[in-house]
Amino acid sequence: MSNARPPRRRRWHRHAGVFSLVIAAVVSLIAIFPLLWMALSGLKSAAEVLAVPFRFWPSVLHPENYTSLLTGQVDASFFPAGASYVWALAFTFIVSAISVALSLIVNSMAGYVFARLKFPGKRILWVVFLIPWFVPAMTTYISTFQVVNDLNMLDTVGVLILPGVVYSYSIFFFRQFFLNVPTSVEEAAKIDGASFFRTYTGIFLPMSGTPLTIMGISVFLGYWSSFLWPSMTVSNPRLYQINQLISYLKSTYSQHMHLVLAASAMAAIPTIVLLLIFQRQIMQGVKISGMK
């Protein structure tokens, strides 16, 4: 009996598992290849980056490409006046962090209102809130630009932060989570005399660790990777976002592609670290978004 062949179904599952593993490995390799090539190209010389035929591995390592950007030892004319790579990284992080805090406060409160409060016109207002979710952001850039221009917000920190704070999907996400909180919790708070705001801050918000993390990551990635909106609204090099500065370097100094790629590789590190740290919460967020 011990030498009997395994059942056909068991063998099929074993082959399917191996096949799934191979597919996952291939997809992972395809996904990581551009990032790996970018990081390695940042270690090449300027001539080797554009050399033909293509070389994946650098023949001679040039770590000074990275260190010169971080220490500011590159030619001063490489950057626009008043800008530096390290400052652009730090300032983009500051803008992204402030935007995350404001976005989580505003959108979680709106999600709580739509999930737990009753008021006239709630259904109609909910549909109105969802409409921007189905409108491509590109179609609203011109009108939004006109608004911030009329408000004299161009070339300010506010123009980088405020237009993206309210996010329809984020409100929807929080609403879905709050809808699944047992009503008994809210009723107990009412018996104790807690107001709606006290119930939100004291009960619902502490229970929202996962949606707060998911939406925080989403907002951070959106602001960190922003390029078009900063390019439209900011011309002061001191306010350049990191992708805006990298685009400037690429368009102005295409002969220094090794430095451009090194700058791009370092700019990708914060987002990769975030995804690695919070990958479990991200998977939980997929489940939450499908609730009710």
Foldseek 3Di string as FASTA:
>chain_A
DVPDDDDPVVVVVVVVVVVVVVVVVVVVCVVCVVLLQLQQLLQEALQLNPDPPHDSHHPGGRCVLQVCLVVVVPDPVLFPPPAGLVLLLVLLQVLLVVLLVLLLVVLLVLLLCLQPPDDPPSVVVLVVLCVVVPPDPVVCLVVVLVVCVVVVNFAHSCLLRPVPSHDSVLNLLSNLVNNPDDVVLVVVCVVVVDDSVCCCVPPVVVVCPLSSLQSSLVSSVCSLPDAPSCVSRHDPNSNDHNVPRLVVSCVPPVSRVSSSSSSVSVSCVVNVVSCVVCVVSNVVSVVSSPHD
